Amino acid sequence: METIVETKDKAIAELIKKNNLLIAGPCSAESEEQLIQTALELKALGKVDILRAGVWKPRTNPGGFEGAGVKGLSWLLKAKQLTGLPTAVEVATSKHVEDAISFDTDVLWIGARTTVNPFSIQNIADALKGTNQTVLIKNPVNPDIKLWIGAIERLQKAGIENIGLIHRGFSSYGSSEYRNAPLWQIPIEMKRLFPNLPMICDPSHICGKRDTLLEIAQKSIDLAYSGLIIESHCDPSVALTDKDQQVTPAQLDTLIDTLVFKTTTTGKKDFVEELNHLRAQIDCFDDELLTLIANRMNVARKIGEIKIQNDVTVLQSSRWNEILERMIKKADHLNLGQAFVTSYMEAVHIESIRIQDSLNIQKS
């Protein structure tokens, strides 16, 4: 017979797999009053599945509010008892894990600054051994997919089965439209590699401000993400952390109502027939593209052979710049994005260099 804890763990594991999951709550649990008020307002919406709040806050610079600590967990537990909402909190150490579990926290998430450190991940994984805890893993702060994969594998080796992923964007140097660049191709690749793990979008940390939350949230829905985790505070203007990216429960309600939710498929015969027809065209184009690329690489190989015969270096920067400039201009006329064409041509160029370098190795 299952224990109450086992039944609860299974229920939470199923909950994070549901479509259109919504996790919401303040960036930080600042006081019992603030957290309870926010939780009650979120519960009243009837749309929030899990209540989130940070109690340990890794701040970039010392001196700022670094969270309420363990007493914040008691506030979170009280909010859970009053609302019936499952709770989620960020953990970064084995002690955090132990404390969170002792206060009956339902979901733990691992932050981006922790995911980037395999030692920290292993420490958390060791602390979770023997539990059926549900754990969400945010992408590492830097765009390194291997670190994200490594975090999953360490938790799985520790016996953790209930795992989900959170896409919160990636740090980049210099000014940007977003606080953390989405770099959608990375979470999309993670969805391909781990199709059974729910992918949740964190628009709050990607945007860093309220006015672009809807855009990013809708984009994630269009990409078939499982759900959203959004920071919501009863009064963001006085929030102690990340006030610019938090919304009131009322604003969250409006945002969710504005989103257009979509299904991954439909049984409509006309739709299926048209989609299959168009996909068949895509398959043909892909086959043709691969053949053309192979032919291009054969020419690159011949160029490499001529360079070797004449003791000419493989890399010709001026020639590469000419090609890239010409293709970018052509992309404009073909209605192709400059960033896409640049990335594509860079990949082609790197492969051409590799082929020509291999000829030099063979010669030596």
Protein backbone atom coordinates (compact mmCIF):
# COMPACT_ATOMS: atom_id res chain seq x y z
CA MET A 1 0.00 0.00 0.00
CA GLU A 2 1.30 3.45 -0.93
CA THR A 3 2.10 5.92 1.80
CA ILE A 4 0.62 9.42 1.82
CA VAL A 5 4.02 10.81 0.80
CA GLU A 6 4.30 8.40 -2.16
CA THR A 7 0.80 9.30 -3.32
CA LYS A 8 1.61 13.01 -3.07
CA ASP A 9 4.89 12.60 -4.97
CA LYS A 10 3.10 10.79 -7.81
CA ALA A 11 0.45 13.50 -7.99
CA ILE A 12 3.08 16.25 -8.23
CA ALA A 13 5.00 14.30 -10.87
CA GLU A 14 1.84 14.06 -12.96
CA LEU A 15 1.04 17.72 -12.37
CA ILE A 16 4.26 19.02 -13.92
CA LYS A 17 3.56 16.94 -17.02
CA LYS A 18 0.19 18.55 -17.68
CA ASN A 19 -0.24 20.86 -20.65
CA ASN A 20 -0.38 24.59 -19.95
CA LEU A 21 1.08 24.24 -16.46
CA LEU A 22 1.29 27.57 -14.62
CA ILE A 23 3.75 28.14 -11.79
CA ALA A 24 3.56 31.60 -10.25
CA GLY A 25 4.56 33.55 -7.18
CA PRO A 26 6.95 36.23 -6.00
CA CYS A 27 10.62 36.28 -6.88
CA SER A 28 11.34 36.32 -3.14
CA ALA A 29 9.39 35.48 -0.02
CA GLU A 30 9.93 38.81 1.72
CA SER A 31 7.56 38.49 4.66
CA GLU A 32 4.79 36.19 5.79
CA GLU A 33 2.18 38.86 5.01
CA GLN A 34 3.51 39.53 1.49
CA LEU A 35 3.69 35.84 0.60
CA ILE A 36 0.27 34.94 2.02
CA GLN A 37 -1.44 37.88 0.32
CA THR A 38 0.16 37.03 -3.03
CA ALA A 39 -0.71 33.35 -2.65
CA LEU A 40 -4.37 34.09 -1.84
CA GLU A 41 -4.69 36.43 -4.83
CA LEU A 42 -3.09 33.84 -7.13
CA LYS A 43 -5.35 31.09 -5.80
CA ALA A 44 -8.39 33.26 -6.48
CA LEU A 45 -7.50 33.37 -10.18
CA GLY A 46 -8.20 29.65 -10.48
CA LYS A 47 -5.39 29.29 -13.03
CA VAL A 48 -2.23 28.74 -10.98
CA ASP A 49 -1.10 25.14 -10.46
CA ILE A 50 1.96 25.65 -8.25
CA LEU A 51 3.02 28.49 -5.94
CA ARG A 52 6.68 29.50 -6.25
CA ALA A 53 8.85 31.72 -4.06
CA GLY A 54 12.57 32.12 -3.54
CA VAL A 55 13.91 31.93 0.00
CA TRP A 56 17.62 31.75 -0.85
CA LYS A 57 18.57 34.41 -3.40
CA PRO A 58 22.01 34.26 -5.05
CA ARG A 59 22.66 37.96 -5.67
CA THR A 60 25.37 39.12 -8.05
CA ASN A 61 26.63 41.74 -5.61
CA PRO A 62 26.75 41.53 -1.80
CA GLY A 63 24.58 43.78 0.30
CA GLY A 64 21.27 43.11 -1.40
CA PHE A 65 18.37 41.07 -0.08
CA GLU A 66 19.53 37.45 -0.18
CA GLY A 67 16.30 35.85 0.94
CA ALA A 68 14.53 35.06 4.19
CA GLY A 69 16.12 31.62 4.48
CA VAL A 70 14.52 28.78 6.39
CA LYS A 71 11.83 30.98 7.97
CA GLY A 72 10.64 31.71 4.43
CA LEU A 73 9.92 27.98 4.07
CA SER A 74 7.54 28.17 7.03
CA TRP A 75 5.69 31.02 5.30
CA LEU A 76 5.52 28.96 2.12
CA LEU A 77 4.13 26.00 4.05
CA LYS A 78 1.46 28.22 5.62
CA ALA A 79 0.54 29.57 2.18
CA LYS A 80 0.19 25.99 0.97
CA GLN A 81 -2.09 25.12 3.88
CA LEU A 82 -4.28 28.17 3.26
CA THR A 83 -4.57 27.81 -0.53
CA GLY A 84 -4.07 24.12 -1.21
CA LEU A 85 -1.50 25.02 -3.87
CA PRO A 86 1.61 22.83 -4.12
CA THR A 87 4.81 24.79 -3.50
CA ALA A 88 8.14 25.21 -5.29
CA VAL A 89 11.44 26.69 -4.15
CA GLU A 90 14.98 27.05 -5.53
CA VAL A 91 17.77 25.00 -3.96
CA ALA A 92 21.52 25.33 -4.45
CA THR A 93 23.03 23.12 -1.73
CA SER A 94 22.35 19.82 0.02
CA LYS A 95 21.30 21.79 3.13
CA HIS A 96 18.73 23.67 1.05
CA VAL A 97 17.37 20.33 -0.15
CA GLU A 98 17.08 18.97 3.39
CA ASP A 99 15.39 22.12 4.69
CA ALA A 100 12.95 22.35 1.78
CA ILE A 101 11.88 18.73 2.13
CA SER A 102 11.48 19.13 5.90
CA PHE A 103 8.92 21.89 5.22
CA ASP A 104 7.00 19.66 2.79
CA THR A 105 7.98 21.62 -0.32
CA ASP A 106 6.53 19.81 -3.33
CA VAL A 107 8.85 20.93 -6.14
CA LEU A 108 12.50 21.94 -6.05
CA TRP A 109 14.12 23.87 -8.84
CA ILE A 110 17.82 24.25 -9.54
CA GLY A 111 18.84 27.73 -10.65
CA ALA A 112 20.95 28.69 -13.65
CA ARG A 113 23.95 29.65 -11.51
CA THR A 114 23.89 26.19 -9.93
CA THR A 115 23.31 24.18 -13.11
CA VAL A 116 26.57 25.58 -14.45
CA ASN A 117 28.54 23.86 -11.65
CA PRO A 118 28.77 20.02 -11.80
CA PHE A 119 30.08 19.90 -8.22
CA SER A 120 26.97 21.69 -6.95
CA ILE A 121 24.67 19.49 -9.03
CA GLN A 122 26.31 16.36 -7.67
CA ASN A 123 25.96 17.69 -4.14
CA ILE A 124 22.23 18.20 -4.69
CA ALA A 125 21.86 14.83 -6.40
CA ASP A 126 23.47 13.07 -3.44
CA ALA A 127 21.09 14.83 -1.05
CA LEU A 128 18.09 13.71 -3.13
CA LYS A 129 18.98 10.01 -3.21
CA GLY A 130 16.20 7.85 -1.86
CA THR A 131 13.48 10.45 -2.46
CA ASN A 132 10.80 10.74 -5.15
CA GLN A 133 11.13 14.52 -5.21
CA THR A 134 10.10 16.43 -8.31
CA VAL A 135 13.00 18.58 -9.56
CA LEU A 136 13.03 21.25 -12.25
CA ILE A 137 16.39 22.16 -13.78
CA LYS A 138 16.95 25.63 -15.22
CA ASN A 139 19.31 25.98 -18.15
CA PRO A 140 22.87 26.95 -17.19
CA VAL A 141 23.51 30.67 -17.14
CA ASN A 142 25.88 30.35 -20.13
CA PRO A 143 24.78 28.67 -23.40
CA ASP A 144 26.36 25.26 -22.81
CA ILE A 145 23.91 22.46 -23.57
CA LYS A 146 26.29 19.82 -22.20
CA LEU A 147 26.02 21.30 -18.69
CA TRP A 148 22.22 21.10 -18.89
CA ILE A 149 22.41 17.50 -20.06
CA GLY A 150 24.96 16.69 -17.37
CA ALA A 151 22.65 18.00 -14.65
CA ILE A 152 19.85 15.72 -15.86
CA GLU A 153 22.15 12.71 -15.97
CA ARG A 154 23.51 13.31 -12.45
CA LEU A 155 20.00 13.48 -11.01
CA GLN A 156 18.91 10.41 -12.94
CA LYS A 157 21.91 8.45 -11.67
CA ALA A 158 20.85 9.42 -8.15
CA GLY A 159 17.49 7.77 -8.82
CA ILE A 160 15.46 10.92 -9.40
CA GLU A 161 12.76 10.16 -11.97
CA ASN A 162 10.50 13.19 -11.75
CA ILE A 163 12.48 15.80 -13.68
CA GLY A 164 11.42 18.83 -15.68
CA LEU A 165 13.34 21.59 -17.48
CA ILE A 166 13.05 25.37 -17.25
CA HIS A 167 14.20 27.64 -20.06
CA ARG A 168 15.14 30.99 -18.50
CA GLY A 169 17.48 32.36 -21.16
CA PHE A 170 21.25 32.78 -21.31
CA SER A 171 23.60 35.54 -20.21
CA SER A 172 25.38 37.52 -22.91
CA TYR A 173 27.83 40.38 -22.87
CA GLY A 174 26.68 43.89 -23.75
CA SER A 175 23.24 45.43 -24.18
CA SER A 176 20.40 43.26 -25.39
CA GLU A 177 16.66 43.38 -25.97
CA TYR A 178 16.31 40.83 -23.20
CA ARG A 179 17.82 40.37 -19.77
CA ASN A 180 18.81 36.86 -20.84
CA ALA A 181 18.88 35.95 -24.52
CA PRO A 182 16.31 33.20 -25.30
CA LEU A 183 18.54 31.31 -27.77
CA TRP A 184 15.52 29.17 -28.63
CA GLN A 185 17.61 26.63 -30.55
CA ILE A 186 19.10 25.28 -27.30
CA PRO A 187 15.84 24.40 -25.49
CA ILE A 188 14.44 23.09 -28.78
CA GLU A 189 17.41 20.73 -29.02
CA MET A 190 16.83 19.70 -25.39
CA LYS A 191 13.21 18.91 -26.26
CA ARG A 192 14.47 16.69 -29.06
CA LEU A 193 16.97 14.90 -26.83
CA PHE A 194 14.57 14.52 -23.87
CA PRO A 195 11.06 14.38 -25.39
CA ASN A 196 9.56 12.94 -22.21
CA LEU A 197 10.75 15.76 -19.95
CA PRO A 198 8.40 18.75 -19.67
CA MET A 199 9.90 22.05 -20.86
CA ILE A 200 8.70 25.11 -18.97
CA CYS A 201 9.40 28.69 -20.05
CA ASP A 202 10.46 31.40 -17.59
CA PRO A 203 9.55 34.66 -19.39
CA SER A 204 10.31 36.70 -16.26
CA HIS A 205 14.04 35.98 -16.36
CA ILE A 206 14.30 36.03 -20.14
CA CYS A 207 12.67 39.46 -20.36
CA GLY A 208 13.75 41.20 -17.16
CA LYS A 209 10.78 43.53 -17.61
CA ARG A 210 7.03 43.25 -17.72
CA ASP A 211 6.26 44.68 -21.14
CA THR A 212 7.71 41.77 -23.16
CA LEU A 213 6.42 38.88 -21.03
CA LEU A 214 3.46 38.21 -23.32
CA GLU A 215 5.64 37.98 -26.43
CA ILE A 216 8.00 35.41 -24.90
CA ALA A 217 5.22 33.44 -23.22
CA GLN A 218 3.33 33.16 -26.52
CA LYS A 219 6.50 32.13 -28.35
CA SER A 220 7.02 29.27 -25.91
CA ILE A 221 3.43 28.12 -26.36
CA ASP A 222 3.85 28.20 -30.13
CA LEU A 223 6.89 25.92 -29.64
CA ALA A 224 4.79 23.43 -27.65
CA TYR A 225 6.32 24.08 -24.23
CA SER A 226 4.54 22.38 -21.34
CA GLY A 227 3.94 25.52 -19.31
CA LEU A 228 5.11 28.77 -17.78
CA ILE A 229 6.77 29.92 -14.57
CA ILE A 230 6.09 33.63 -14.01
CA GLU A 231 6.99 35.89 -11.12
CA SER A 232 3.98 37.54 -9.50
CA HIS A 233 3.98 39.85 -6.48
CA CYS A 234 1.06 41.52 -4.70
CA ASP A 235 2.86 44.87 -5.10
CA PRO A 236 5.88 44.70 -7.45
CA SER A 237 6.70 48.38 -6.90
CA VAL A 238 8.03 47.58 -3.42
CA ALA A 239 9.56 44.18 -4.21
CA LEU A 240 12.99 43.59 -2.72
CA THR A 241 14.24 41.69 -5.78
CA ASP A 242 13.59 41.95 -9.53
CA LYS A 243 10.68 44.39 -9.21
CA ASP A 244 10.72 45.29 -12.93
CA GLN A 245 9.93 41.77 -14.13
CA GLN A 246 7.19 40.87 -11.64
CA VAL A 247 3.47 41.32 -12.30
CA THR A 248 0.51 41.56 -9.95
CA PRO A 249 -1.86 38.58 -9.83
CA ALA A 250 -4.39 40.71 -11.74
CA GLN A 251 -1.85 41.44 -14.46
CA LEU A 252 -0.97 37.76 -14.61
CA ASP A 253 -4.65 36.95 -15.07
CA THR A 254 -4.84 39.32 -18.05
CA LEU A 255 -1.65 37.92 -19.55
CA ILE A 256 -2.87 34.33 -19.37
CA ASP A 257 -6.25 35.28 -20.86
CA THR A 258 -4.46 37.00 -23.76
CA LEU A 259 -2.36 33.98 -24.67
CA VAL A 260 -3.47 31.78 -27.56
CA PHE A 261 -3.07 28.15 -26.52
CA LYS A 262 -2.60 25.59 -29.26
CA THR A 263 -2.65 21.82 -29.62
CA THR A 264 0.24 19.77 -30.98
CA THR A 265 -2.04 18.07 -33.53
CA THR A 266 -5.62 17.69 -34.70
CA GLY A 267 -7.70 14.92 -36.16
CA LYS A 268 -9.17 17.06 -38.97
CA LYS A 269 -8.76 15.16 -42.24
CA ASP A 270 -8.12 18.23 -44.43
CA PHE A 271 -5.49 19.51 -42.02
CA VAL A 272 -3.67 16.18 -41.87
CA GLU A 273 -3.69 15.76 -45.67
CA GLU A 274 -2.40 19.29 -46.31
CA LEU A 275 0.24 18.98 -43.58
CA ASN A 276 1.49 15.67 -44.99
CA HIS A 277 1.66 17.17 -48.47
CA LEU A 278 3.70 20.14 -47.29
CA ARG A 279 5.96 17.94 -45.15
CA ALA A 280 6.65 15.77 -48.18
CA GLN A 281 7.86 18.90 -49.96
CA ILE A 282 10.09 19.73 -47.00
CA ASP A 283 11.59 16.23 -47.13
CA CYS A 284 12.37 16.66 -50.83
CA PHE A 285 13.99 20.04 -50.26
CA ASP A 286 16.05 18.63 -47.39
CA ASP A 287 17.31 15.80 -49.59
CA GLU A 288 18.23 18.27 -52.32
CA LEU A 289 19.96 20.57 -49.82
CA LEU A 290 22.05 17.73 -48.44
CA THR A 291 23.11 16.71 -51.94
CA LEU A 292 24.04 20.31 -52.79
CA ILE A 293 26.05 20.66 -49.58
CA ALA A 294 27.89 17.43 -50.33
CA ASN A 295 28.72 18.74 -53.81
CA ARG A 296 29.94 22.01 -52.31
CA MET A 297 32.21 20.14 -49.90
CA ASN A 298 33.66 18.12 -52.79
CA VAL A 299 34.62 21.39 -54.46
CA ALA A 300 36.09 22.64 -51.17
CA ARG A 301 38.18 19.45 -51.03
CA LYS A 302 39.53 20.13 -54.55
CA ILE A 303 40.37 23.71 -53.53
CA GLY A 304 42.22 22.29 -50.51
CA GLU A 305 44.25 20.00 -52.76
CA ILE A 306 45.25 22.93 -54.98
CA LYS A 307 46.28 24.96 -51.91
CA ILE A 308 48.49 22.12 -50.70
CA GLN A 309 50.16 21.83 -54.08
CA ASN A 310 50.96 25.55 -54.02
CA ASP A 311 51.80 25.87 -50.28
CA VAL A 312 48.88 28.22 -49.65
CA THR A 313 47.21 28.51 -46.23
CA VAL A 314 43.80 26.92 -45.72
CA LEU A 315 42.15 30.01 -44.22
CA GLN A 316 41.64 32.91 -46.60
CA SER A 317 39.93 35.57 -44.50
CA SER A 318 39.30 38.02 -47.34
CA ARG A 319 37.60 35.33 -49.42
CA TRP A 320 35.43 34.28 -46.46
CA ASN A 321 34.38 37.89 -45.83
CA GLU A 322 33.41 38.27 -49.49
CA ILE A 323 31.28 35.13 -49.41
CA LEU A 324 29.54 36.12 -46.18
CA GLU A 325 28.82 39.67 -47.35
CA ARG A 326 27.41 38.42 -50.65
CA MET A 327 25.17 35.84 -48.98
CA ILE A 328 23.81 38.34 -46.47
CA LYS A 329 22.85 40.70 -49.29
CA LYS A 330 21.21 37.83 -51.13
CA ALA A 331 19.36 36.81 -47.97
CA ASP A 332 17.61 40.19 -47.85
CA HIS A 333 16.15 39.64 -51.32
CA LEU A 334 15.04 36.11 -50.42
CA ASN A 335 13.36 37.20 -47.19
CA LEU A 336 15.76 35.17 -45.04
CA GLY A 337 16.98 36.40 -41.67
CA GLN A 338 20.54 37.72 -41.54
CA ALA A 339 21.29 35.85 -38.30
CA PHE A 340 20.09 32.58 -39.83
CA VAL A 341 22.13 32.96 -43.01
CA THR A 342 25.22 33.98 -41.03
CA SER A 343 24.91 30.94 -38.74
CA TYR A 344 24.36 28.63 -41.72
CA MET A 345 27.31 29.98 -43.67
CA GLU A 346 29.57 29.84 -40.61
CA ALA A 347 28.71 26.16 -40.19
CA VAL A 348 29.45 25.51 -43.86
CA HIS A 349 32.73 27.44 -43.62
CA ILE A 350 33.85 25.52 -40.52
CA GLU A 351 33.18 22.21 -42.29
CA SER A 352 35.08 23.38 -45.38
CA ILE A 353 38.07 24.32 -43.21
CA ARG A 354 37.90 20.94 -41.47
CA ILE A 355 37.95 19.09 -44.78
CA GLN A 356 40.90 21.12 -46.08
CA ASP A 357 42.78 20.72 -42.79
CA SER A 358 42.31 16.95 -42.98
CA LEU A 359 44.09 16.97 -46.33
CA ASN A 360 47.10 18.63 -44.71
CA ILE A 361 47.10 16.00 -41.96
CA GLN A 362 46.96 13.20 -44.51
CA LYS A 363 49.88 14.73 -46.40
CA SER A 364 52.01 14.96 -43.24
